[in-house]
All heavy atoms as atom14 arrays in JSON, in Angstrom:
{
  "sequence": "DVNQSQVKEIVRPYLEKSIPKELLSGFKDE",
  "atom14_mask": [
    [1, 1, 1, 1, 1, 1, 1, 1, 0, 0, 0, 0, 0, 0],
    [1, 1, 1, 1, 1, 1, 1, 0, 0, 0, 0, 0, 0, 0],
    [1, 1, 1, 1, 1, 1, 1, 1, 0, 0, 0, 0, 0, 0],
    [1, 1, 1, 1, 1, 1, 1, 1, 1, 0, 0, 0, 0, 0],
    [1, 1, 1, 1, 1, 1, 0, 0, 0, 0, 0, 0, 0, 0],
    [1, 1, 1, 1, 1, 1, 1, 1, 1, 0, 0, 0, 0, 0],
    [1, 1, 1, 1, 1, 1, 1, 0, 0, 0, 0, 0, 0, 0],
    [1, 1, 1, 1, 1, 1, 1, 1, 1, 0, 0, 0, 0, 0],
    [1, 1, 1, 1, 1, 1, 1, 1, 1, 0, 0, 0, 0, 0],
    [1, 1, 1, 1, 1, 1, 1, 1, 0, 0, 0, 0, 0, 0],
    [1, 1, 1, 1, 1, 1, 1, 0, 0, 0, 0, 0, 0, 0],
    [1, 1, 1, 1, 1, 1, 1, 1, 1, 1, 1, 0, 0, 0],
    [1, 1, 1, 1, 1, 1, 1, 0, 0, 0, 0, 0, 0, 0],
    [1, 1, 1, 1, 1, 1, 1, 1, 1, 1, 1, 1, 0, 0],
    [1, 1, 1, 1, 1, 1, 1, 1, 0, 0, 0, 0, 0, 0],
    [1, 1, 1, 1, 1, 1, 1, 1, 1, 0, 0, 0, 0, 0],
    [1, 1, 1, 1, 1, 1, 1, 1, 1, 0, 0, 0, 0, 0],
    [1, 1, 1, 1, 1, 1, 0, 0, 0, 0, 0, 0, 0, 0],
    [1, 1, 1, 1, 1, 1, 1, 1, 0, 0, 0, 0, 0, 0],
    [1, 1, 1, 1, 1, 1, 1, 0, 0, 0, 0, 0, 0, 0],
    [1, 1, 1, 1, 1, 1, 1, 1, 1, 0, 0, 0, 0, 0],
    [1, 1, 1, 1, 1, 1, 1, 1, 1, 0, 0, 0, 0, 0],
    [1, 1, 1, 1, 1, 1, 1, 1, 0, 0, 0, 0, 0, 0],
    [1, 1, 1, 1, 1, 1, 1, 1, 0, 0, 0, 0, 0, 0],
    [1, 1, 1, 1, 1, 1, 0, 0, 0, 0, 0, 0, 0, 0],
    [1, 1, 1, 1, 0, 0, 0, 0, 0, 0, 0, 0, 0, 0],
    [1, 1, 1, 1, 1, 1, 1, 1, 1, 1, 1, 0, 0, 0],
    [1, 1, 1, 1, 1, 1, 1, 1, 1, 0, 0, 0, 0, 0],
    [1, 1, 1, 1, 1, 1, 1, 1, 0, 0, 0, 0, 0, 0],
    [1, 1, 1, 1, 1, 1, 1, 1, 1, 0, 0, 0, 0, 0]
  ],
  "atom14_positions": [
    [[0.77, -1.28, -0.06], [0.01, 0.02, -0.01], [0.8, 1.36, -0.07], [0.34, 2.36, 0.24], [-1.01, -0.03, 1.15], [-0.36, -0.26, 2.48], [0.85, -0.72, 2.55], [-1.0, 0.06, 3.54], [0.0, 0.0, 0.0], [0.0, 0.0, 0.0], [0.0, 0.0, 0.0], [0.0, 0.0, 0.0], [0.0, 0.0, 0.0], [0.0, 0.0, 0.0]],
    [[2.12, 1.14, -0.31], [3.03, 2.34, -0.55], [3.74, 2.27, -1.81], [3.92, 1.16, -2.41], [3.96, 2.58, 0.6], [3.37, 3.08, 1.9], [4.82, 1.41, 0.84], [0.0, 0.0, 0.0], [0.0, 0.0, 0.0], [0.0, 0.0, 0.0], [0.0, 0.0, 0.0], [0.0, 0.0, 0.0], [0.0, 0.0, 0.0], [0.0, 0.0, 0.0]],
    [[3.82, 3.42, -2.51], [4.49, 3.37, -3.81], [5.96, 3.83, -3.66], [6.45, 4.26, -2.56], [3.7, 4.2, -4.9], [3.66, 5.64, -4.43], [4.48, 6.18, -3.8], [2.49, 6.29, -4.78], [0.0, 0.0, 0.0], [0.0, 0.0, 0.0], [0.0, 0.0, 0.0], [0.0, 0.0, 0.0], [0.0, 0.0, 0.0], [0.0, 0.0, 0.0]],
    [[6.6, 3.92, -4.97], [8.04, 4.25, -4.91], [8.33, 5.53, -4.29], [9.16, 5.81, -3.55], [8.51, 4.13, -6.29], [10.09, 4.33, -6.34], [10.53, 4.27, -7.93], [9.76, 4.63, -8.76], [11.76, 3.95, -8.18], [0.0, 0.0, 0.0], [0.0, 0.0, 0.0], [0.0, 0.0, 0.0], [0.0, 0.0, 0.0], [0.0, 0.0, 0.0]],
    [[7.54, 6.61, -4.72], [7.84, 7.92, -4.18], [7.58, 8.07, -2.69], [8.35, 8.75, -2.05], [7.09, 8.99, -5.02], [5.63, 8.68, -4.74], [0.0, 0.0, 0.0], [0.0, 0.0, 0.0], [0.0, 0.0, 0.0], [0.0, 0.0, 0.0], [0.0, 0.0, 0.0], [0.0, 0.0, 0.0], [0.0, 0.0, 0.0], [0.0, 0.0, 0.0]],
    [[6.59, 7.26, -2.14], [6.34, 7.39, -0.76], [7.47, 6.62, 0.06], [7.81, 7.09, 1.11], [5.0, 6.59, -0.46], [3.78, 7.46, -0.93], [2.51, 6.62, -0.8], [2.47, 5.45, -1.33], [1.38, 7.36, -0.33], [0.0, 0.0, 0.0], [0.0, 0.0, 0.0], [0.0, 0.0, 0.0], [0.0, 0.0, 0.0], [0.0, 0.0, 0.0]],
    [[7.92, 5.55, -0.48], [9.06, 4.87, 0.14], [10.32, 5.77, 0.21], [10.97, 5.83, 1.24], [9.34, 3.53, -0.52], [10.76, 2.94, 0.01], [8.32, 2.56, -0.41], [0.0, 0.0, 0.0], [0.0, 0.0, 0.0], [0.0, 0.0, 0.0], [0.0, 0.0, 0.0], [0.0, 0.0, 0.0], [0.0, 0.0, 0.0], [0.0, 0.0, 0.0]],
    [[10.49, 6.57, -0.89], [11.69, 7.43, -0.89], [11.56, 8.45, 0.23], [12.64, 8.79, 0.91], [11.69, 8.14, -2.25], [12.96, 9.0, -2.48], [13.1, 9.54, -3.83], [14.44, 10.26, -4.11], [14.56, 10.62, -5.49], [0.0, 0.0, 0.0], [0.0, 0.0, 0.0], [0.0, 0.0, 0.0], [0.0, 0.0, 0.0], [0.0, 0.0, 0.0]],
    [[10.29, 8.95, 0.5], [10.31, 9.99, 1.59], [10.37, 9.29, 2.96], [10.84, 9.96, 3.9], [8.95, 10.73, 1.42], [8.89, 11.54, 0.06], [10.25, 12.41, -0.07], [10.55, 13.22, 0.87], [10.8, 12.36, -1.18], [0.0, 0.0, 0.0], [0.0, 0.0, 0.0], [0.0, 0.0, 0.0], [0.0, 0.0, 0.0], [0.0, 0.0, 0.0]],
    [[9.97, 8.1, 3.04], [10.11, 7.34, 4.28], [11.58, 7.24, 4.7], [12.06, 7.31, 5.78], [9.46, 5.92, 4.24], [7.88, 6.16, 4.15], [9.8, 5.15, 5.53], [7.1, 4.87, 3.96], [0.0, 0.0, 0.0], [0.0, 0.0, 0.0], [0.0, 0.0, 0.0], [0.0, 0.0, 0.0], [0.0, 0.0, 0.0], [0.0, 0.0, 0.0]],
    [[12.46, 6.83, 3.69], [13.79, 6.57, 3.93], [14.74, 7.76, 3.83], [15.8, 7.73, 4.44], [14.38, 5.45, 3.04], [13.48, 4.18, 3.1], [14.42, 5.87, 1.56], [0.0, 0.0, 0.0], [0.0, 0.0, 0.0], [0.0, 0.0, 0.0], [0.0, 0.0, 0.0], [0.0, 0.0, 0.0], [0.0, 0.0, 0.0], [0.0, 0.0, 0.0]],
    [[14.27, 8.89, 3.23], [15.12, 10.0, 3.17], [15.73, 10.5, 4.46], [16.9, 10.89, 4.45], [14.34, 11.11, 2.53], [15.21, 12.34, 2.13], [14.31, 13.6, 1.72], [13.69, 13.24, 0.41], [14.15, 13.29, -0.7], [15.46, 13.75, -0.89], [13.56, 13.02, -1.8], [0.0, 0.0, 0.0], [0.0, 0.0, 0.0], [0.0, 0.0, 0.0]],
    [[14.91, 10.53, 5.5], [15.59, 10.99, 6.83], [16.8, 10.19, 7.27], [17.59, 10.63, 8.01], [14.44, 10.96, 7.83], [13.24, 11.04, 7.04], [13.56, 10.31, 5.68], [0.0, 0.0, 0.0], [0.0, 0.0, 0.0], [0.0, 0.0, 0.0], [0.0, 0.0, 0.0], [0.0, 0.0, 0.0], [0.0, 0.0, 0.0], [0.0, 0.0, 0.0]],
    [[16.8, 8.83, 6.85], [17.87, 8.02, 7.32], [19.17, 8.27, 6.57], [20.27, 8.23, 7.09], [17.41, 6.56, 7.22], [16.3, 6.3, 8.13], [14.95, 6.47, 7.79], [16.54, 6.21, 9.49], [13.93, 6.31, 8.66], [15.41, 5.98, 10.48], [14.17, 6.11, 9.98], [13.12, 5.99, 10.8], [0.0, 0.0, 0.0], [0.0, 0.0, 0.0]],
    [[19.01, 8.67, 5.34], [20.15, 9.29, 4.6], [20.73, 10.48, 5.21], [21.92, 10.6, 5.57], [19.76, 9.62, 3.18], [20.63, 10.54, 2.26], [22.01, 9.81, 2.09], [20.03, 10.84, 1.07], [0.0, 0.0, 0.0], [0.0, 0.0, 0.0], [0.0, 0.0, 0.0], [0.0, 0.0, 0.0], [0.0, 0.0, 0.0], [0.0, 0.0, 0.0]],
    [[19.88, 11.35, 5.54], [20.28, 12.71, 6.14], [20.82, 12.57, 7.67], [21.62, 13.29, 8.0], [19.12, 13.67, 6.13], [18.65, 13.99, 4.73], [17.32, 14.7, 4.65], [16.63, 14.71, 5.78], [17.0, 15.22, 3.62], [0.0, 0.0, 0.0], [0.0, 0.0, 0.0], [0.0, 0.0, 0.0], [0.0, 0.0, 0.0], [0.0, 0.0, 0.0]],
    [[20.41, 11.56, 8.31], [20.73, 11.25, 9.75], [22.07, 10.52, 9.74], [22.81, 10.68, 10.72], [19.82, 10.52, 10.48], [18.58, 11.27, 11.02], [17.68, 10.61, 11.96], [16.9, 9.58, 11.33], [15.96, 8.87, 12.39], [0.0, 0.0, 0.0], [0.0, 0.0, 0.0], [0.0, 0.0, 0.0], [0.0, 0.0, 0.0], [0.0, 0.0, 0.0]],
    [[22.39, 9.91, 8.76], [23.48, 8.99, 8.7], [24.81, 9.54, 8.2], [25.92, 9.18, 8.64], [23.26, 7.68, 7.77], [22.15, 7.03, 8.29], [0.0, 0.0, 0.0], [0.0, 0.0, 0.0], [0.0, 0.0, 0.0], [0.0, 0.0, 0.0], [0.0, 0.0, 0.0], [0.0, 0.0, 0.0], [0.0, 0.0, 0.0], [0.0, 0.0, 0.0]],
    [[24.62, 10.57, 7.23], [25.86, 11.09, 6.56], [25.96, 12.66, 6.98], [25.03, 13.29, 6.94], [25.7, 11.0, 5.03], [25.57, 9.56, 4.74], [26.91, 11.67, 4.29], [25.31, 9.32, 3.25], [0.0, 0.0, 0.0], [0.0, 0.0, 0.0], [0.0, 0.0, 0.0], [0.0, 0.0, 0.0], [0.0, 0.0, 0.0], [0.0, 0.0, 0.0]],
    [[27.21, 13.05, 7.32], [27.34, 14.49, 7.81], [27.01, 15.39, 6.7], [27.15, 15.15, 5.52], [28.91, 14.59, 8.09], [29.32, 13.09, 8.41], [28.45, 12.22, 7.53], [0.0, 0.0, 0.0], [0.0, 0.0, 0.0], [0.0, 0.0, 0.0], [0.0, 0.0, 0.0], [0.0, 0.0, 0.0], [0.0, 0.0, 0.0], [0.0, 0.0, 0.0]],
    [[26.46, 16.55, 7.12], [26.01, 17.51, 6.22], [26.98, 18.03, 5.09], [26.7, 18.28, 3.96], [25.46, 18.73, 6.87], [24.13, 18.51, 7.56], [23.59, 19.76, 8.32], [22.21, 19.6, 8.99], [21.71, 20.76, 9.57], [0.0, 0.0, 0.0], [0.0, 0.0, 0.0], [0.0, 0.0, 0.0], [0.0, 0.0, 0.0], [0.0, 0.0, 0.0]],
    [[28.29, 18.16, 5.68], [29.35, 18.57, 4.77], [29.55, 17.6, 3.61], [29.94, 18.05, 2.58], [30.51, 18.9, 5.59], [31.16, 17.78, 6.26], [30.67, 17.54, 7.67], [29.62, 18.16, 8.04], [31.44, 16.95, 8.53], [0.0, 0.0, 0.0], [0.0, 0.0, 0.0], [0.0, 0.0, 0.0], [0.0, 0.0, 0.0], [0.0, 0.0, 0.0]],
    [[29.27, 16.41, 3.83], [29.57, 15.44, 2.74], [28.45, 15.28, 1.79], [28.46, 14.71, 0.71], [29.89, 13.98, 3.37], [31.08, 13.87, 4.14], [31.25, 12.45, 4.74], [32.44, 14.15, 3.29], [0.0, 0.0, 0.0], [0.0, 0.0, 0.0], [0.0, 0.0, 0.0], [0.0, 0.0, 0.0], [0.0, 0.0, 0.0], [0.0, 0.0, 0.0]],
    [[27.21, 15.89, 2.13], [26.11, 16.01, 1.27], [25.98, 17.22, 0.63], [24.92, 17.57, -0.12], [24.83, 15.67, 2.13], [24.67, 14.29, 2.59], [23.31, 14.08, 3.64], [24.57, 13.28, 1.51], [0.0, 0.0, 0.0], [0.0, 0.0, 0.0], [0.0, 0.0, 0.0], [0.0, 0.0, 0.0], [0.0, 0.0, 0.0], [0.0, 0.0, 0.0]],
    [[26.86, 18.21, 0.72], [26.87, 19.48, 0.1], [26.83, 19.27, -1.43], [27.64, 18.6, -1.98], [28.11, 20.36, 0.52], [27.98, 21.65, -0.05], [0.0, 0.0, 0.0], [0.0, 0.0, 0.0], [0.0, 0.0, 0.0], [0.0, 0.0, 0.0], [0.0, 0.0, 0.0], [0.0, 0.0, 0.0], [0.0, 0.0, 0.0], [0.0, 0.0, 0.0]],
    [[25.79, 19.86, -2.05], [25.69, 19.74, -3.44], [25.05, 18.33, -3.81], [25.0, 18.19, -5.12], [0.0, 0.0, 0.0], [0.0, 0.0, 0.0], [0.0, 0.0, 0.0], [0.0, 0.0, 0.0], [0.0, 0.0, 0.0], [0.0, 0.0, 0.0], [0.0, 0.0, 0.0], [0.0, 0.0, 0.0], [0.0, 0.0, 0.0], [0.0, 0.0, 0.0]],
    [[24.74, 17.59, -2.92], [24.14, 16.36, -3.42], [22.7, 16.46, -4.14], [21.92, 17.23, -3.61], [23.83, 15.42, -2.07], [23.36, 13.96, -2.41], [24.09, 13.08, -2.94], [21.97, 13.71, -2.05], [23.64, 11.95, -3.2], [21.57, 12.54, -2.28], [22.26, 11.55, -2.93], [0.0, 0.0, 0.0], [0.0, 0.0, 0.0], [0.0, 0.0, 0.0]],
    [[22.63, 15.85, -5.29], [21.44, 15.99, -6.14], [20.53, 14.93, -5.85], [20.78, 13.77, -5.85], [21.94, 16.1, -7.54], [22.91, 17.08, -7.94], [23.34, 17.1, -9.42], [24.26, 18.12, -9.82], [24.84, 18.0, -11.08], [0.0, 0.0, 0.0], [0.0, 0.0, 0.0], [0.0, 0.0, 0.0], [0.0, 0.0, 0.0], [0.0, 0.0, 0.0]],
    [[19.15, 15.28, -5.82], [18.12, 14.38, -5.58], [18.0, 13.27, -6.65], [17.67, 12.14, -6.3], [16.8, 15.09, -5.36], [15.74, 14.12, -4.83], [15.93, 13.76, -3.66], [14.72, 13.82, -5.54], [0.0, 0.0, 0.0], [0.0, 0.0, 0.0], [0.0, 0.0, 0.0], [0.0, 0.0, 0.0], [0.0, 0.0, 0.0], [0.0, 0.0, 0.0]],
    [[18.37, 13.63, -7.91], [18.33, 12.64, -8.9], [19.42, 11.52, -8.78], [19.45, 10.54, -9.36], [18.51, 13.27, -10.36], [19.71, 14.16, -10.45], [19.43, 15.62, -10.24], [18.66, 15.95, -9.39], [20.05, 16.48, -11.0], [0.0, 0.0, 0.0], [0.0, 0.0, 0.0], [0.0, 0.0, 0.0], [0.0, 0.0, 0.0], [0.0, 0.0, 0.0]]
  ]
}
């Protein structure tokens, strides 16, 4: 009952919590 875009938003915070902000500078959503 969840689609690909919904799953992406569920897991996005775990990317952001796991990797320091400075290493995500300029990171593209694509």
